[in-house]
């Protein structure tokens, strides 16, 4: 395309993330935001918050988002892409509604959203879209002119997301003792979700048996495993495993859990494991606690050597991938032919979430999709 750095019709990018506490006094209010409407008592939230208190009540996610913001702004400036980047969170400051209000005040009218979740699922996509709808509803009630908002497609299989993870797995394998390195198993880790939510993830035609959520993870895991084999000359066995379950015990969630998986691998005689958190953009609390603390303690108890590979974070290749996604979507909006960049067997994801995609249990308005009330 002759105008590859033309972001029009968009005039801003919004980095939309989960948010996290930045001190001990923030932990319970943050968890109240996360669980609002579920009737969970404060004493129970204090128990849940122990994970945060172990780290001084500070989640690393906000600093990681600040680093990603810096990386995006640096990449855009270096490549001549004149697109301001803002940041808003679902559950903690800077809050999404406040950021959108700021963007409207700055005259932004066509906004692209980058969510810090790479895969299709209710919690990883539609819930962000519901939060966008809530924020737009709040701005409308204030009499503000509403911007048009679009969300960037799922980027789980974009090379700029995948390649840093390949490097991380290769580095982690190299850190293992030489005598166990070639026999190491790779546990590709992601957030467990209820099986009912997994089965209905993605467009309607992809529902059933884990839906798009499981298929997307399996596809990118295969891509990474193949790349690791090419780089190391060793074909390491691997499996997709899950972590961070938080639901009631009687509700089925995706399994196996990483700690159970480590026990099974050790019993099967596997000499070492690399835990690769492919379901997460950055090393936030669920990586630091569930993998670096809990799963690593389980491995030590089993006498099983483990390493945990890095997430993508603010890797310059990921920032470049976001630039590519912005230009791709902008070109598509202008009616140009674009060639979406994607690895693996699934191809590039949809630009516009269709009706029935990742449905909620109780229907709620969601922006930036085919069923958006905000055209």
Protein backbone atom coordinates (compact mmCIF):
# COMPACT_ATOMS: atom_id res chain seq x y z
CA UNK A 1 0.00 0.00 0.00
CA UNK A 2 1.42 3.44 -0.89
CA UNK A 3 0.11 4.98 2.35
CA UNK A 4 1.17 2.23 4.75
CA UNK A 5 1.54 4.64 7.68
CA UNK A 6 -1.88 6.20 7.21
CA UNK A 7 -4.05 5.40 10.24
CA UNK A 8 -7.10 7.26 8.94
CA UNK A 9 -9.99 7.17 9.64
CA UNK A 10 -8.67 6.52 13.16
CA UNK A 11 -7.34 9.33 15.30
CA UNK A 12 -6.34 7.46 18.48
CA UNK A 13 -5.45 4.05 19.91
CA UNK A 14 -6.75 2.97 23.32
CA UNK A 15 -4.82 0.35 25.28
CA UNK A 16 -7.54 -1.39 27.28
CA UNK A 17 -6.47 -3.65 30.14
CA UNK A 18 -7.68 -5.35 33.31
CA UNK A 19 -6.02 -3.14 35.89
CA UNK A 20 -4.55 -4.05 39.25
CA UNK A 21 -3.85 -2.67 42.74
CA UNK A 22 -0.80 -0.50 43.30
CA UNK A 23 -0.59 -0.81 47.09
CA UNK A 24 -2.02 -2.81 50.03
CA UNK A 25 -4.92 -0.39 50.55
CA UNK A 26 -5.99 -0.91 46.92
CA UNK A 27 -6.33 -4.70 47.04
CA UNK A 28 -9.83 -5.15 48.49
CA UNK A 29 -11.38 -2.19 46.60
CA UNK A 30 -9.83 -3.58 43.40
CA UNK A 31 -11.29 -7.04 44.07
CA UNK A 32 -14.65 -5.42 44.83
CA UNK A 33 -14.53 -3.88 41.37
CA UNK A 34 -13.63 -7.21 39.77
CA UNK A 35 -16.40 -9.14 41.56
CA UNK A 36 -19.08 -6.44 41.64
CA UNK A 37 -22.59 -7.92 41.51
CA UNK A 38 -21.57 -11.38 42.74
CA UNK A 39 -22.27 -10.76 46.44
CA UNK A 40 -18.85 -11.91 47.65
CA UNK A 41 -18.24 -10.85 51.29
CA UNK A 42 -15.32 -8.54 52.08
CA UNK A 43 -13.70 -11.15 54.34
CA UNK A 44 -13.57 -13.58 51.43
CA UNK A 45 -12.01 -10.88 49.24
CA UNK A 46 -9.32 -10.37 51.88
CA UNK A 47 -8.53 -14.09 51.66
CA UNK A 48 -8.37 -13.94 47.87
CA UNK A 49 -6.18 -10.86 48.12
CA UNK A 50 -3.41 -12.77 49.91
CA UNK A 51 -1.82 -13.40 46.51
CA UNK A 52 -1.42 -9.65 46.10
CA UNK A 53 -0.30 -9.09 49.69
CA UNK A 54 2.57 -11.53 49.08
CA UNK A 55 3.86 -8.96 46.58
CA UNK A 56 3.30 -5.91 48.76
CA UNK A 57 -0.25 -5.42 47.49
CA UNK A 58 1.07 -4.38 44.09
CA UNK A 59 0.12 -6.04 40.82
CA UNK A 60 2.82 -5.70 38.18
CA UNK A 61 0.24 -5.27 35.42
CA UNK A 62 0.06 -1.46 35.59
CA UNK A 63 3.82 -0.99 35.28
CA UNK A 64 3.83 -3.50 32.44
CA UNK A 65 1.13 -1.53 30.67
CA UNK A 66 3.16 1.65 31.15
CA UNK A 67 6.12 -0.12 29.54
CA UNK A 68 3.91 -1.25 26.65
CA UNK A 69 2.59 2.28 26.23
CA UNK A 70 6.16 3.57 26.00
CA UNK A 71 7.04 0.85 23.49
CA UNK A 72 4.01 1.62 21.31
CA UNK A 73 4.64 5.37 21.33
CA UNK A 74 8.32 4.82 20.54
CA UNK A 75 7.54 2.45 17.67
CA UNK A 76 4.87 4.72 16.21
CA UNK A 77 7.15 7.78 16.39
CA UNK A 78 10.10 5.96 14.83
CA UNK A 79 7.97 4.77 11.91
CA UNK A 80 6.12 8.00 11.30
CA UNK A 81 2.73 6.80 12.48
CA UNK A 82 0.99 9.85 13.92
CA UNK A 83 -1.48 8.18 16.28
CA UNK A 84 -1.76 9.13 19.97
CA UNK A 85 -2.00 6.22 22.41
CA UNK A 86 -4.16 6.33 25.55
CA UNK A 87 -4.61 3.82 28.37
CA UNK A 88 -7.69 2.78 30.34
CA UNK A 89 -8.49 -0.15 32.67
CA UNK A 90 -11.62 -2.12 33.43
CA UNK A 91 -11.08 -2.46 37.17
CA UNK A 92 -8.59 0.15 38.40
CA UNK A 93 -7.17 3.57 37.63
CA UNK A 94 -6.86 4.85 35.01
CA UNK A 95 -10.48 3.79 34.57
CA UNK A 96 -11.86 3.22 31.08
CA UNK A 97 -14.69 5.74 31.41
CA UNK A 98 -12.31 8.47 32.59
CA UNK A 99 -9.92 7.76 29.71
CA UNK A 100 -12.70 7.84 27.11
CA UNK A 101 -13.94 11.12 28.58
CA UNK A 102 -10.40 12.50 28.21
CA UNK A 103 -10.21 11.25 24.62
CA UNK A 104 -13.51 12.91 23.73
CA UNK A 105 -12.28 16.12 25.33
CA UNK A 106 -9.17 15.89 23.16
CA UNK A 107 -11.37 15.69 20.07
CA UNK A 108 -10.87 11.98 19.32
CA UNK A 109 -13.76 10.66 17.21
CA UNK A 110 -12.54 7.37 15.68
CA UNK A 111 -10.87 5.16 18.24
CA UNK A 112 -9.18 1.79 17.83
CA UNK A 113 -8.95 -0.45 20.91
CA UNK A 114 -6.12 -2.85 21.73
CA UNK A 115 -7.22 -5.22 24.51
CA UNK A 116 -4.50 -6.98 26.50
CA UNK A 117 -6.06 -10.35 25.68
CA UNK A 118 -5.05 -12.16 22.51
CA UNK A 119 -7.73 -14.85 22.28
CA UNK A 120 -11.47 -15.22 21.80
CA UNK A 121 -13.60 -15.77 24.92
CA UNK A 122 -16.24 -13.96 26.94
CA UNK A 123 -13.75 -12.70 29.55
CA UNK A 124 -11.05 -12.04 26.97
CA UNK A 125 -13.13 -10.17 24.41
CA UNK A 126 -16.86 -9.64 24.88
CA UNK A 127 -16.52 -8.48 28.48
CA UNK A 128 -14.14 -5.77 27.30
CA UNK A 129 -16.74 -4.81 24.69
CA UNK A 130 -19.42 -4.68 27.41
CA UNK A 131 -17.21 -2.38 29.45
CA UNK A 132 -16.80 -0.15 26.41
CA UNK A 133 -20.58 -0.02 26.04
CA UNK A 134 -20.95 0.89 29.74
CA UNK A 135 -18.41 3.69 29.33
CA UNK A 136 -20.13 5.05 26.23
CA UNK A 137 -23.46 4.92 28.03
CA UNK A 138 -21.95 6.98 30.87
CA UNK A 139 -20.59 9.57 28.44
CA UNK A 140 -23.91 9.74 26.64
CA UNK A 141 -25.68 10.42 29.94
CA UNK A 142 -23.28 13.36 30.41
CA UNK A 143 -24.32 14.79 27.04
CA UNK A 144 -20.94 14.20 25.41
CA UNK A 145 -20.50 13.47 21.72
CA UNK A 146 -19.74 9.76 21.42
CA UNK A 147 -16.76 8.52 19.42
CA UNK A 148 -16.98 5.55 17.08
CA UNK A 149 -15.00 2.68 18.54
CA UNK A 150 -13.54 -0.40 16.83
CA UNK A 151 -11.52 -3.19 18.42
CA UNK A 152 -8.40 -4.69 16.87
CA UNK A 153 -8.74 -8.35 15.92
CA UNK A 154 -7.39 -11.22 18.01
CA UNK A 155 -3.62 -11.30 17.59
CA UNK A 156 -2.73 -14.68 19.12
CA UNK A 157 -1.16 -15.86 15.86
CA UNK A 158 0.49 -12.64 14.68
CA UNK A 159 4.26 -13.20 14.22
CA UNK A 160 5.04 -10.24 16.48
CA UNK A 161 3.20 -12.00 19.31
CA UNK A 162 4.42 -15.53 18.56
CA UNK A 163 8.11 -14.96 17.87
CA UNK A 164 8.99 -13.50 21.30
CA UNK A 165 7.33 -16.54 22.89
CA UNK A 166 9.41 -18.87 20.73
CA UNK A 167 12.54 -17.08 21.93
CA UNK A 168 11.36 -17.42 25.52
CA UNK A 169 10.87 -21.17 25.28
CA UNK A 170 14.25 -21.67 23.60
CA UNK A 171 15.96 -19.60 26.33
CA UNK A 172 14.19 -21.57 29.07
CA UNK A 173 15.25 -24.88 27.55
CA UNK A 174 18.85 -23.64 27.43
CA UNK A 175 18.66 -22.77 31.14
CA UNK A 176 17.81 -26.36 32.09
CA UNK A 177 20.63 -28.72 33.11
CA UNK A 178 22.10 -30.28 29.99
CA UNK A 179 21.32 -33.82 31.11
CA UNK A 180 17.54 -33.16 31.19
CA UNK A 181 17.25 -30.55 28.43
CA UNK A 182 16.48 -32.74 25.42
CA UNK A 183 13.84 -34.72 27.30
CA UNK A 184 12.05 -31.65 28.61
CA UNK A 185 8.30 -31.36 28.18
CA UNK A 186 6.67 -28.02 27.27
CA UNK A 187 3.52 -27.10 29.20
CA UNK A 188 1.75 -24.33 27.29
CA UNK A 189 -0.23 -22.50 29.98
CA UNK A 190 -3.32 -20.34 29.75
CA UNK A 191 -6.15 -19.15 31.97
CA UNK A 192 -8.75 -21.80 32.71
CA UNK A 193 -12.35 -20.76 32.03
CA UNK A 194 -15.65 -22.63 32.50
CA UNK A 195 -16.08 -25.27 29.81
CA UNK A 196 -19.45 -23.71 28.94
CA UNK A 197 -17.70 -20.40 28.19
CA UNK A 198 -14.99 -22.16 26.18
CA UNK A 199 -17.54 -24.09 24.13
CA UNK A 200 -19.31 -20.87 23.09
CA UNK A 201 -16.16 -18.83 22.42
CA UNK A 202 -15.71 -17.31 19.00
CA UNK A 203 -18.31 -17.04 16.21
CA UNK A 204 -21.33 -19.34 16.37
CA UNK A 205 -19.93 -21.67 13.70
CA UNK A 206 -16.88 -22.31 15.90
CA UNK A 207 -18.85 -23.22 19.04
CA UNK A 208 -18.58 -26.65 20.63
CA UNK A 209 -15.79 -28.76 22.19
CA UNK A 210 -13.70 -25.91 23.56
CA UNK A 211 -14.74 -23.44 20.87
CA UNK A 212 -12.35 -20.90 19.41
CA UNK A 213 -10.61 -20.42 22.78
CA UNK A 214 -9.11 -23.91 22.87
CA UNK A 215 -8.55 -24.16 19.10
CA UNK A 216 -6.65 -20.86 19.01
CA UNK A 217 -4.38 -21.89 21.89
CA UNK A 218 -3.70 -25.31 20.38
CA UNK A 219 -2.87 -23.73 17.04
CA UNK A 220 -0.37 -21.23 18.43
CA UNK A 221 1.15 -23.90 20.70
CA UNK A 222 1.79 -26.06 17.64
CA UNK A 223 3.38 -23.11 15.83
CA UNK A 224 5.70 -22.47 18.79
CA UNK A 225 6.56 -26.16 19.22
CA UNK A 226 7.42 -26.44 15.52
CA UNK A 227 9.60 -23.32 15.68
CA UNK A 228 11.37 -24.62 18.80
CA UNK A 229 12.10 -27.91 16.99
CA UNK A 230 13.57 -26.00 14.05
CA UNK A 231 15.74 -23.89 16.37
CA UNK A 232 16.96 -26.67 18.68
CA UNK A 233 16.78 -29.79 16.54
CA UNK A 234 14.75 -31.49 19.29
CA UNK A 235 11.07 -32.40 19.03
CA UNK A 236 9.85 -31.67 22.56
CA UNK A 237 6.52 -33.19 23.62
CA UNK A 238 3.96 -30.62 24.71
CA UNK A 239 0.46 -30.16 26.08
CA UNK A 240 -1.97 -27.27 26.61
CA UNK A 241 -2.67 -26.87 30.34
CA UNK A 242 -4.60 -24.41 32.47
CA UNK A 243 -4.20 -22.28 35.57
CA UNK A 244 -5.88 -19.65 37.74
CA UNK A 245 -9.22 -21.40 38.18
CA UNK A 246 -11.49 -19.29 40.40
CA UNK A 247 -14.99 -20.74 40.03
CA UNK A 248 -17.20 -22.87 42.24
CA UNK A 249 -15.99 -26.51 42.49
CA UNK A 250 -19.19 -27.95 40.99
CA UNK A 251 -18.84 -25.97 37.74
CA UNK A 252 -16.62 -27.69 35.12
CA UNK A 253 -13.58 -25.66 34.05
CA UNK A 254 -10.91 -26.44 31.47
CA UNK A 255 -8.32 -28.96 32.67
CA UNK A 256 -5.67 -30.18 33.41
CA UNK A 257 -4.46 -27.70 36.00
CA UNK A 258 -0.74 -26.94 35.75
CA UNK A 259 0.05 -28.35 39.21
CA UNK A 260 -1.81 -31.60 38.47
CA UNK A 261 -0.02 -31.72 35.12
CA UNK A 262 3.40 -31.42 36.78
CA UNK A 263 2.53 -34.34 39.05
CA UNK A 264 1.44 -36.42 36.04
CA UNK A 265 4.60 -35.59 34.06
CA UNK A 266 6.87 -36.40 36.98
CA UNK A 267 5.07 -39.72 37.53
CA UNK A 268 5.50 -40.49 33.83
CA UNK A 269 9.25 -40.03 34.10
CA UNK A 270 9.57 -36.69 32.34
CA UNK A 271 12.93 -35.22 33.42
CA UNK A 272 12.04 -31.50 33.22
CA UNK A 273 9.28 -29.08 32.20
CA UNK A 274 9.22 -25.63 30.62
CA UNK A 275 6.07 -23.69 31.51
CA UNK A 276 5.19 -21.35 28.64
CA UNK A 277 2.40 -18.87 29.53
CA UNK A 278 1.09 -18.34 25.99
CA UNK A 279 -2.31 -17.16 27.22
CA UNK A 280 -0.94 -13.99 28.83
CA UNK A 281 0.42 -10.80 27.31
CA UNK A 282 2.59 -9.86 30.30
CA UNK A 283 4.01 -11.21 33.57
CA UNK A 284 1.12 -10.05 35.73
CA UNK A 285 -0.08 -11.51 39.03
CA UNK A 286 -1.52 -14.75 37.66
CA UNK A 287 1.85 -15.53 36.12
CA UNK A 288 3.89 -14.44 39.13
CA UNK A 289 1.76 -16.32 41.65
CA UNK A 290 0.20 -19.28 39.81
CA UNK A 291 3.35 -20.22 37.90
CA UNK A 292 6.37 -18.62 39.56
CA UNK A 293 5.13 -19.26 43.09
CA UNK A 294 2.56 -22.06 43.28
CA UNK A 295 3.53 -24.26 40.32
CA UNK A 296 7.25 -23.78 40.94
CA UNK A 297 6.78 -24.84 44.57
CA UNK A 298 4.93 -27.94 43.39
CA UNK A 299 7.80 -28.77 41.02
CA UNK A 300 10.33 -28.36 43.83
CA UNK A 301 8.24 -30.67 46.01
CA UNK A 302 8.31 -33.24 43.19
CA UNK A 303 12.02 -32.80 42.52
CA UNK A 304 11.16 -31.83 38.95
CA UNK A 305 13.36 -29.21 37.25
CA UNK A 306 11.19 -26.45 35.75
CA UNK A 307 11.69 -23.15 34.01
CA UNK A 308 9.08 -20.55 33.14
CA UNK A 309 9.45 -18.77 29.82
CA UNK A 310 8.77 -15.07 29.40
CA UNK A 311 5.58 -13.47 28.17
CA UNK A 312 5.64 -10.97 25.31
CA UNK A 313 5.28 -7.84 27.46
CA UNK A 314 6.73 -4.73 25.82
CA UNK A 315 8.89 -6.60 23.30
CA UNK A 316 9.56 -4.29 20.32
CA UNK A 317 8.24 -7.00 17.98
CA UNK A 318 4.89 -6.89 19.74
CA UNK A 319 4.80 -3.10 19.46
CA UNK A 320 5.53 -3.49 15.74
CA UNK A 321 2.73 -6.06 15.51
CA UNK A 322 0.29 -3.56 17.01
CA UNK A 323 1.40 -1.00 14.42
CA UNK A 324 0.79 -3.61 11.72
CA UNK A 325 -2.67 -4.40 13.11
CA UNK A 326 -3.57 -0.70 13.23
CA UNK A 327 -2.53 -0.15 9.61
CA UNK A 328 -4.30 -3.33 8.54
CA UNK A 329 -7.58 -2.29 10.14
CA UNK A 330 -7.28 1.29 8.89
CA UNK A 331 -6.71 0.12 5.34
CA UNK A 332 -9.69 -2.20 5.58
CA UNK A 333 -11.87 0.65 6.83
CA UNK A 334 -10.77 2.74 3.86
CA UNK A 335 -11.86 -0.04 1.52
CA UNK A 336 -8.37 -1.14 0.53
CA UNK A 337 -7.27 -4.71 -0.03
CA UNK A 338 -5.15 -5.80 2.91
CA UNK A 339 -3.24 -9.00 3.57
CA UNK A 340 -3.59 -9.85 7.27
CA UNK A 341 -0.48 -11.37 8.82
CA UNK A 342 -1.02 -14.64 10.69
CA UNK A 343 0.85 -17.86 11.43
CA UNK A 344 -0.58 -21.35 11.87
CA UNK A 345 -3.59 -23.08 10.38
CA UNK A 346 -6.42 -20.79 11.50
CA UNK A 347 -5.59 -17.61 9.62
CA UNK A 348 -6.39 -14.08 10.70
CA UNK A 349 -9.33 -13.55 13.03
CA UNK A 350 -12.39 -11.46 12.18
CA UNK A 351 -12.26 -7.67 12.42
CA UNK A 352 -15.84 -7.32 13.65
CA UNK A 353 -17.18 -9.67 16.32
CA UNK A 354 -20.35 -11.22 14.83
CA UNK A 355 -23.69 -11.66 16.56
CA UNK A 356 -23.53 -14.65 18.92
CA UNK A 357 -19.75 -14.42 19.38
CA UNK A 358 -18.61 -15.30 22.93
CA UNK A 359 -22.08 -14.74 24.46
CA UNK A 360 -22.64 -13.71 28.06
CA UNK A 361 -24.89 -15.74 30.34
CA UNK A 362 -27.07 -12.66 30.80
CA UNK A 363 -27.20 -10.57 27.60
CA UNK A 364 -25.71 -7.09 27.92
CA UNK A 365 -24.95 -4.39 25.34
CA UNK A 366 -21.46 -4.63 23.88
CA UNK A 367 -19.70 -2.03 21.75
CA UNK A 368 -17.36 -2.57 18.79
CA UNK A 369 -19.20 -5.55 17.34
CA UNK A 370 -21.95 -6.40 14.85
CA UNK A 371 -24.48 -6.21 17.67
CA UNK A 372 -23.26 -2.86 19.04
CA UNK A 373 -25.95 -0.31 19.95
CA UNK A 374 -23.35 2.38 19.13
CA UNK A 375 -22.99 2.38 15.36
